[in-house]
C-alpha atoms as a PDB file:
ATOM      1  CA  MET A   1      10.118 -20.347 -16.103  1.00  0.00           C
ATOM      2  CA  LYS A   2      13.549 -21.065 -17.404  1.00  0.00           C
ATOM      3  CA  LEU A   3      16.306 -21.658 -15.549  1.00  0.00           C
ATOM      4  CA  GLY A   4      18.695 -18.899 -16.894  1.00  0.00           C
ATOM      5  CA  HIS A   5      16.266 -16.637 -15.550  1.00  0.00           C
ATOM      6  CA  LYS A   6      15.815 -18.546 -12.648  1.00  0.00           C
ATOM      7  CA  LEU A   7      19.686 -18.454 -12.135  1.00  0.00           C
ATOM      8  CA  SER A   8      19.724 -14.586 -13.312  1.00  0.00           C
ATOM      9  CA  LYS A   9      16.839 -13.609  -9.729  1.00  0.00           C
ATOM     10  CA  LEU A  10      19.464 -16.167  -7.563  1.00  0.00           C
ATOM     11  CA  LEU A  11      22.723 -13.241  -8.147  1.00  0.00           C
ATOM     12  CA  ASP A  12      20.668 -10.219  -8.335  1.00  0.00           C
ATOM     13  CA  GLY A  13      18.977 -10.880  -5.021  1.00  0.00           C
ATOM     14  CA  ALA A  14      15.780 -10.860  -6.677  1.00  0.00           C
ATOM     15  CA  ALA A  15      14.333 -14.989  -5.028  1.00  0.00           C
ATOM     16  CA  LEU A  16      15.709 -12.945  -1.842  1.00  0.00           C
ATOM     17  CA  ARG A  17      13.714  -9.725  -1.612  1.00  0.00           C
ATOM     18  CA  SER A  18      10.407 -11.927  -3.323  1.00  0.00           C
ATOM     19  CA  PHE A  19      10.698 -14.261  -0.517  1.00  0.00           C
ATOM     20  CA  ARG A  20      11.395 -11.537   2.040  1.00  0.00           C
ATOM     21  CA  ASN A  21       8.339  -9.686   0.311  1.00  0.00           C
ATOM     22  CA  LEU A  22       6.224 -12.924   0.639  1.00  0.00           C
ATOM     23  CA  THR A  23       6.819 -13.581   4.285  1.00  0.00           C
ATOM     24  CA  TYR A  24       5.974  -9.992   5.099  1.00  0.00           C
ATOM     25  CA  ARG A  25       2.333 -10.140   3.114  1.00  0.00           C
ATOM     26  CA  ARG A  26       1.858 -12.955   5.574  1.00  0.00           C
ATOM     27  CA  LEU A  27       2.817 -11.417   8.315  1.00  0.00           C
ATOM     28  CA  HIS A  28       1.264  -8.420   7.842  1.00  0.00           C
ATOM     29  CA  PRO A  29      -1.915  -8.337   5.767  1.00  0.00           C
ATOM     30  CA  ILE A  30      -4.539  -6.758   3.880  1.00  0.00           C
ATOM     31  CA  ARG A  31      -8.462  -7.847   3.423  1.00  0.00           C
ATOM     32  CA  VAL A  32      -9.901  -6.542   0.284  1.00  0.00           C
ATOM     33  CA  GLU A  33     -12.809  -6.848   2.040  1.00  0.00           C
ATOM     34  CA  GLU A  34     -12.013  -4.959   4.570  1.00  0.00           C
ATOM     35  CA  VAL A  35     -10.524  -1.868   2.380  1.00  0.00           C
ATOM     36  CA  LEU A  36     -13.919  -1.793  -0.114  1.00  0.00           C
ATOM     37  CA  ALA A  37     -15.654  -1.323   3.697  1.00  0.00           C
ATOM     38  CA  GLY A  38     -15.283   2.320   3.551  1.00  0.00           C
ATOM     39  CA  VAL A  39     -16.171   2.760  -0.510  1.00  0.00           C
ATOM     40  CA  ASP A  40     -19.598   4.381  -1.574  1.00  0.00           C
ATOM     41  CA  GLN A  41     -20.901   0.776  -2.838  1.00  0.00           C
ATOM     42  CA  ALA A  42     -24.106   2.641  -5.063  1.00  0.00           C
ATOM     43  CA  ALA A  43     -21.718   4.392  -6.646  1.00  0.00           C
ATOM     44  CA  LEU A  44     -18.989   1.652  -7.198  1.00  0.00           C
ATOM     45  CA  THR A  45     -21.688  -0.645  -8.717  1.00  0.00           C
ATOM     46  CA  ARG A  46     -22.830   2.117 -10.918  1.00  0.00           C
ATOM     47  CA  ILE A  47     -19.397   2.859 -12.115  1.00  0.00           C
ATOM     48  CA  ARG A  48     -18.970  -0.752 -13.199  1.00  0.00           C
ATOM     49  CA  GLU A  49     -22.367  -1.075 -14.943  1.00  0.00           C
ATOM     50  CA  LYS A  50     -21.840   2.019 -16.889  1.00  0.00           C
ATOM     51  CA  TYR A  51     -18.305   1.134 -17.980  1.00  0.00           C
ATOM     52  CA  SER A  52     -17.801  -2.776 -17.965  1.00  0.00           C
ATOM     53  CA  VAL A  53     -16.897  -4.301 -20.784  1.00  0.00           C
ATOM     54  CA  PRO A  54     -17.620  -8.177 -20.113  1.00  0.00           C
ATOM     55  CA  GLY A  55     -14.381 -10.552 -21.217  1.00  0.00           C
ATOM     56  CA  GLU A  56     -11.756  -6.839 -21.311  1.00  0.00           C
ATOM     57  CA  LEU A  57      -8.336  -6.930 -19.241  1.00  0.00           C
ATOM     58  CA  THR A  58      -6.117  -4.498 -21.595  1.00  0.00           C
ATOM     59  CA  HIS A  59      -8.093  -1.416 -21.839  1.00  0.00           C
ATOM     60  CA  TRP A  60      -9.039   0.868 -18.965  1.00  0.00           C
ATOM     61  CA  PRO A  61     -12.395  -0.741 -18.343  1.00  0.00           C
ATOM     62  CA  LYS A  62     -10.643  -4.111 -16.573  1.00  0.00           C
ATOM     63  CA  TYR A  63     -10.418  -1.094 -13.569  1.00  0.00           C
ATOM     64  CA  VAL A  64     -14.056  -2.033 -13.125  1.00  0.00           C
ATOM     65  CA  ASP A  65     -12.969  -4.865 -10.967  1.00  0.00           C
ATOM     66  CA  ALA A  66     -11.799  -3.440  -7.651  1.00  0.00           C
ATOM     67  CA  PRO A  67     -11.344  -6.701  -5.889  1.00  0.00           C
ATOM     68  CA  ARG A  68      -8.187  -7.274  -9.057  1.00  0.00           C
ATOM     69  CA  TRP A  69      -7.017  -4.352  -8.965  1.00  0.00           C
ATOM     70  CA  LEU A  70      -7.074  -3.814  -5.090  1.00  0.00           C
ATOM     71  CA  ARG A  71      -5.245  -7.192  -4.041  1.00  0.00           C
ATOM     72  CA  LEU A  72      -2.420  -6.137  -6.970  1.00  0.00           C
ATOM     73  CA  ASN A  73      -2.627  -2.354  -4.817  1.00  0.00           C
ATOM     74  CA  ILE A  74      -2.204  -4.007  -1.858  1.00  0.00           C
ATOM     75  CA  LYS A  75       0.967  -6.100  -2.198  1.00  0.00           C
ATOM     76  CA  ARG A  76       2.366  -2.779  -3.613  1.00  0.00           C
ATOM     77  CA  ALA A  77       1.738  -1.253  -0.233  1.00  0.00           C
ATOM     78  CA  GLN A  78       3.172  -4.168   1.595  1.00  0.00           C
ATOM     79  CA  GLU A  79       5.850  -4.005  -0.852  1.00  0.00           C
ATOM     80  CA  LEU A  80       6.286  -0.387   0.282  1.00  0.00           C
ATOM     81  CA  ARG A  81       5.614  -1.516   3.742  1.00  0.00           C
ATOM     82  CA  LEU A  82       2.931   1.427   4.463  1.00  0.00           C
ATOM     83  CA  ASN A  83       0.883  -0.521   7.390  1.00  0.00           C
ATOM     84  CA  THR A  84       4.282  -0.503   9.455  1.00  0.00           C
ATOM     85  CA  ARG A  85       5.654   2.858   8.824  1.00  0.00           C
ATOM     86  CA  GLY A  86       5.877   4.390  12.298  1.00  0.00           C
ATOM     87  CA  ARG A  87       3.900   7.650  10.997  1.00  0.00           C
ATOM     88  CA  PRO A  88       0.875   8.624   8.389  1.00  0.00           C
ATOM     89  CA  LEU A  89       2.572   9.793   5.083  1.00  0.00           C
ATOM     90  CA  ARG A  90       1.723  12.274   2.618  1.00  0.00           C
ATOM     91  CA  ILE A  91       1.781  10.926  -0.189  1.00  0.00           C
ATOM     92  CA  LEU A  92       2.078  11.703  -4.317  1.00  0.00           C
ATOM     93  CA  ASP A  93       0.792   8.874  -7.336  1.00  0.00           C
ATOM     94  CA  LEU A  94       1.470  10.252 -10.698  1.00  0.00           C
ATOM     95  CA  GLY A  95      -0.336   8.374 -12.883  1.00  0.00           C
ATOM     96  CA  SER A  96      -3.214   7.797 -10.420  1.00  0.00           C
ATOM     97  CA  GLY A  97      -5.618   6.470 -12.742  1.00  0.00           C
ATOM     98  CA  GLY A  98      -8.569   5.326 -10.317  1.00  0.00           C
ATOM     99  CA  GLY A  99      -7.511   5.528  -7.843  1.00  0.00           C
ATOM    100  CA  TYR A 100      -7.267   1.707  -6.022  1.00  0.00           C
ATOM    101  CA  PHE A 101      -3.947   2.073  -4.644  1.00  0.00           C
ATOM    102  CA  LEU A 102      -4.399   5.687  -2.717  1.00  0.00           C
ATOM    103  CA  LEU A 103      -7.611   4.018  -2.063  1.00  0.00           C
ATOM    104  CA  VAL A 104      -5.614   0.714  -0.193  1.00  0.00           C
ATOM    105  CA  SER A 105      -3.105   3.804   1.644  1.00  0.00           C
ATOM    106  CA  ARG A 106      -5.817   5.568   2.666  1.00  0.00           C
ATOM    107  CA  PHE A 107      -7.292   2.583   4.440  1.00  0.00           C
ATOM    108  CA  LEU A 108      -4.062   2.391   6.175  1.00  0.00           C
ATOM    109  CA  GLY A 109      -3.986   5.526   7.448  1.00  0.00           C
ATOM    110  CA  HIS A 110      -2.007   7.649   5.137  1.00  0.00           C
ATOM    111  CA  SER A 111      -3.415  10.373   2.911  1.00  0.00           C
ATOM    112  CA  GLY A 112      -2.215  11.691  -0.458  1.00  0.00           C
ATOM    113  CA  VAL A 113      -3.018  13.207  -3.735  1.00  0.00           C
ATOM    114  CA  GLY A 114      -3.340  11.796  -6.854  1.00  0.00           C
ATOM    115  CA  LEU A 115      -2.270  13.314 -10.451  1.00  0.00           C
ATOM    116  CA  ASP A 116      -3.275  12.196 -14.337  1.00  0.00           C
ATOM    117  CA  ILE A 117      -5.235  13.197 -17.091  1.00  0.00           C
ATOM    118  CA  ASP A 118      -8.578  13.257 -17.162  1.00  0.00           C
ATOM    119  CA  ASP A 119      -9.395  10.758 -19.563  1.00  0.00           C
ATOM    120  CA  PRO A 120     -11.381   8.200 -19.592  1.00  0.00           C
ATOM    121  CA  PRO A 121     -13.553  10.385 -17.837  1.00  0.00           C
ATOM    122  CA  MET A 122     -14.220   6.917 -15.325  1.00  0.00           C
ATOM    123  CA  TYR A 123     -11.347   7.853 -13.407  1.00  0.00           C
ATOM    124  CA  GLY A 124     -13.071  10.725 -12.065  1.00  0.00           C
ATOM    125  CA  GLU A 125     -15.717   8.999 -11.164  1.00  0.00           C
ATOM    126  CA  MET A 126     -14.077   7.169  -8.859  1.00  0.00           C
ATOM    127  CA  PHE A 127     -12.240   8.996  -7.402  1.00  0.00           C
ATOM    128  CA  GLU A 128     -15.692  10.584  -6.255  1.00  0.00           C
ATOM    129  CA  ALA A 129     -16.568   7.374  -5.123  1.00  0.00           C
ATOM    130  CA  PHE A 130     -13.625   6.693  -3.601  1.00  0.00           C
ATOM    131  CA  GLY A 131     -13.431  10.309  -1.715  1.00  0.00           C
ATOM    132  CA  LEU A 132     -10.061  10.781  -2.739  1.00  0.00           C
ATOM    133  CA  SER A 133      -8.110  14.288  -4.244  1.00  0.00           C
ATOM    134  CA  ARG A 134      -6.242  14.471  -8.017  1.00  0.00           C
ATOM    135  CA  VAL A 135      -5.178  16.939  -9.598  1.00  0.00           C
ATOM    136  CA  ILE A 136      -5.671  16.854 -13.708  1.00  0.00           C
ATOM    137  CA  TRP A 137      -2.673  17.376 -15.226  1.00  0.00           C
ATOM    138  CA  THR A 138      -0.401  15.894 -18.509  1.00  0.00           C
ATOM    139  CA  ILE A 139       3.041  15.080 -17.817  1.00  0.00           C
ATOM    140  CA  ARG A 140       5.532  15.905 -20.215  1.00  0.00           C
ATOM    141  CA  ALA A 141       8.967  15.892 -21.009  1.00  0.00           C
ATOM    142  CA  PHE A 142      11.279  18.631 -19.373  1.00  0.00           C
ATOM    143  CA  GLU A 143       7.999  20.497 -17.643  1.00  0.00           C
ATOM    144  CA  PRO A 144       8.212  20.853 -14.103  1.00  0.00           C
ATOM    145  CA  LEU A 145       4.385  19.916 -12.387  1.00  0.00           C
ATOM    146  CA  PRO A 146       2.044  21.704 -10.611  1.00  0.00           C
ATOM    147  CA  ASP A 147       2.542  23.933  -7.528  1.00  0.00           C
ATOM    148  CA  LEU A 148       0.551  21.676  -5.406  1.00  0.00           C
ATOM    149  CA  GLY A 149       1.348  23.785  -2.231  1.00  0.00           C
ATOM    150  CA  GLU A 150       2.568  21.193   0.061  1.00  0.00           C
ATOM    151  CA  PRO A 151       5.653  19.040   0.513  1.00  0.00           C
ATOM    152  CA  PHE A 152       5.011  15.156   0.230  1.00  0.00           C
ATOM    153  CA  ASP A 153       6.714  11.960   1.677  1.00  0.00           C
ATOM    154  CA  LEU A 154       6.492   9.548  -1.107  1.00  0.00           C
ATOM    155  CA  VAL A 155       5.538   9.772  -4.700  1.00  0.00           C
ATOM    156  CA  THR A 156       4.973   6.619  -6.342  1.00  0.00           C
ATOM    157  CA  ALA A 157       3.912   5.807 -10.394  1.00  0.00           C
ATOM    158  CA  PHE A 158       3.085   2.672 -10.749  1.00  0.00           C
ATOM    159  CA  SER A 159       2.632   1.094 -14.744  1.00  0.00           C
ATOM    160  CA  ILE A 160       3.999   4.279 -16.049  1.00  0.00           C
ATOM    161  CA  CYS A 161       3.138   5.255 -19.636  1.00  0.00           C
ATOM    162  CA  PHE A 162       3.545   8.977 -19.311  1.00  0.00           C
ATOM    163  CA  ASN A 163       7.034   8.506 -20.406  1.00  0.00           C
ATOM    164  CA  GLU A 164       5.707   7.831 -23.837  1.00  0.00           C
ATOM    165  CA  HIS A 165       5.631   4.860 -23.293  1.00  0.00           C
ATOM    166  CA  LYS A 166       5.711   1.928 -26.381  1.00  0.00           C
ATOM    167  CA  ARG A 167       6.293   5.566 -28.517  1.00  0.00           C
ATOM    168  CA  PRO A 168       9.453   5.913 -30.234  1.00  0.00           C
ATOM    169  CA  GLY A 169      10.265   8.405 -27.940  1.00  0.00           C
ATOM    170  CA  VAL A 170      10.489   6.769 -24.620  1.00  0.00           C
ATOM    171  CA  TRP A 171      12.555   9.020 -22.362  1.00  0.00           C
ATOM    172  CA  GLY A 172      15.588   7.965 -21.321  1.00  0.00           C
ATOM    173  CA  PRO A 173      18.145   9.325 -18.480  1.00  0.00           C
ATOM    174  CA  ASP A 174      17.636  13.207 -19.425  1.00  0.00           C
ATOM    175  CA  PRO A 175      14.027  13.340 -19.028  1.00  0.00           C
ATOM    176  CA  TRP A 176      14.160  10.910 -15.973  1.00  0.00           C
ATOM    177  CA  ARG A 177      17.041  13.936 -14.849  1.00  0.00           C
ATOM    178  CA  PHE A 178      14.314  16.833 -15.160  1.00  0.00           C
ATOM    179  CA  LEU A 179      11.333  15.068 -12.989  1.00  0.00           C
ATOM    180  CA  LEU A 180      13.423  13.322 -10.256  1.00  0.00           C
ATOM    181  CA  GLN A 181      14.865  17.361 -10.176  1.00  0.00           C
ATOM    182  CA  ASP A 182      11.730  18.476  -9.991  1.00  0.00           C
ATOM    183  CA  LEU A 183      10.461  16.229  -7.315  1.00  0.00           C
ATOM    184  CA  LYS A 184      13.010  16.230  -5.210  1.00  0.00           C
ATOM    185  CA  HIS A 185      13.010  20.060  -4.791  1.00  0.00           C
ATOM    186  CA  ARG A 186       9.491  21.030  -5.527  1.00  0.00           C
ATOM    187  CA  PHE A 187       7.621  18.155  -3.809  1.00  0.00           C
ATOM    188  CA  LEU A 188       9.200  15.848  -1.408  1.00  0.00           C
ATOM    189  CA  LYS A 189      10.994  16.729   1.907  1.00  0.00           C
ATOM    190  CA  PRO A 190      13.995  15.139   2.245  1.00  0.00           C
ATOM    191  CA  SER A 191      13.075  12.203   4.145  1.00  0.00           C
ATOM    192  CA  GLY A 192      11.225  11.862   1.180  1.00  0.00           C
ATOM    193  CA  GLU A 193      11.158   8.919  -1.111  1.00  0.00           C
ATOM    194  CA  ILE A 194      10.415   8.054  -5.009  1.00  0.00           C
ATOM    195  CA  PHE A 195       8.646   4.745  -6.490  1.00  0.00           C
ATOM    196  CA  LEU A 196       8.671   4.088  -9.545  1.00  0.00           C
ATOM    197  CA  GLY A 197       6.879   0.594 -11.465  1.00  0.00           C
ATOM    198  CA  LEU A 198       8.332   1.193 -15.534  1.00  0.00           C
ATOM    199  CA  ASN A 199       6.113  -0.437 -17.979  1.00  0.00           C
ATOM    200  CA  PRO A 200       7.769  -3.178 -20.895  1.00  0.00           C
ATOM    201  CA  GLU A 201       8.655  -1.588 -23.861  1.00  0.00           C
ATOM    202  CA  PRO A 202       7.063  -3.980 -26.695  1.00  0.00           C
ATOM    203  CA  ASP A 203      10.925  -5.734 -27.006  1.00  0.00           C
ATOM    204  CA  GLY A 204      10.440  -6.562 -23.256  1.00  0.00           C
ATOM    205  CA  THR A 205      13.017  -4.623 -21.665  1.00  0.00           C
ATOM    206  CA  PHE A 206      11.981  -1.620 -18.848  1.00  0.00           C
ATOM    207  CA  TYR A 207      14.920   0.513 -19.712  1.00  0.00           C
ATOM    208  CA  THR A 208      16.728   2.300 -22.313  1.00  0.00           C
ATOM    209  CA  PRO A 209      19.921   2.804 -23.177  1.00  0.00           C
ATOM    210  CA  GLY A 210      21.940   4.014 -20.261  1.00  0.00           C
ATOM    211  CA  LEU A 211      18.564   4.251 -18.441  1.00  0.00           C
ATOM    212  CA  ARG A 212      19.264   1.550 -15.463  1.00  0.00           C
ATOM    213  CA  GLU A 213      22.868   2.330 -14.751  1.00  0.00           C
ATOM    214  CA  PHE A 214      21.599   6.509 -14.546  1.00  0.00           C
ATOM    215  CA  PHE A 215      19.274   5.597 -11.795  1.00  0.00           C
ATOM    216  CA  LEU A 216      21.656   3.380 -10.058  1.00  0.00           C
ATOM    217  CA  ALA A 217      23.981   5.966  -9.905  1.00  0.00           C
ATOM    218  CA  ARG A 218      21.638   7.829  -8.056  1.00  0.00           C
ATOM    219  CA  GLY A 219      20.763   5.522  -5.262  1.00  0.00           C
ATOM    220  CA  ALA A 220      18.351   3.721  -6.536  1.00  0.00           C
ATOM    221  CA  LYS A 221      17.293  -0.293  -5.289  1.00  0.00           C
ATOM    222  CA  ILE A 222      16.177  -2.298  -8.815  1.00  0.00           C
ATOM    223  CA  ASP A 223      14.221  -4.878  -9.048  1.00  0.00           C
ATOM    224  CA  ARG A 224      13.321  -5.656 -12.653  1.00  0.00           C
ATOM    225  CA  SER A 225      10.564  -2.730 -12.926  1.00  0.00           C
ATOM    226  CA  LYS A 226      10.441  -1.264 -10.033  1.00  0.00           C
ATOM    227  CA  VAL A 227      13.448   1.410  -9.050  1.00  0.00           C
ATOM    228  CA  TRP A 228      13.021   2.356  -5.440  1.00  0.00           C
ATOM    229  CA  PHE A 229      15.073   5.917  -4.166  1.00  0.00           C
ATOM    230  CA  LYS A 230      14.413   5.226  -0.633  1.00  0.00           C
ATOM    231  CA  LYS A 231      16.802   8.495  -0.327  1.00  0.00           C
ATOM    232  CA  ILE A 232      16.966  11.494  -2.559  1.00  0.00           C
ATOM    233  CA  ASN A 233      20.173  12.718  -1.549  1.00  0.00           C
ATOM    234  CA  ARG A 234      21.396  12.156  -4.649  1.00  0.00           C
ATOM    235  CA  LEU A 235      19.563  12.919  -7.387  1.00  0.00           C
END
């Protein structure tokens, strides 16, 4: 790691946050084997045999490796402190993929629903194997999300691609403003939270010009790709 990056982590508090998260994970461990114990193993084996591509590390077949992706989503759940919340949360996971985050959340006593497109079909089969619920929907700029008929405590979106990731029209502040206000007014309880995990663009950045400042001005806590609105009153 370059010295400049190390210094920037110290100056912006990222090193302290990393240390706190590491300490928390050690004090509140979650075992992959325990999460998987509640899953239909035969169904998971059929999915793995059907879709596995040996050596695939970048495209969607990589998600058949349940232990690997559960470890990542356990870290996400721990960062959100889902195993020490005072009450069960109702979670909406945007771009829910194969459902690993919702599976970990359920193991910790929470419940939720995923929202994603219906491609690839493997994701739908994984949701069935996990016994989870999802809604098929394509998230587009300046279009409201579908009515889900209930309020949520937490909205999450990890490894986001619905923002035109790696395309010329990658979202700037305006489409994000529309989505955040839609979530605030139609989907979240007054005490609700939003957690976003952005993907890096081809140039290695996470934010279009002005986007980071836009998030900060609305009360977000930012740690490189991660944007956490712990309060939504300023959205």
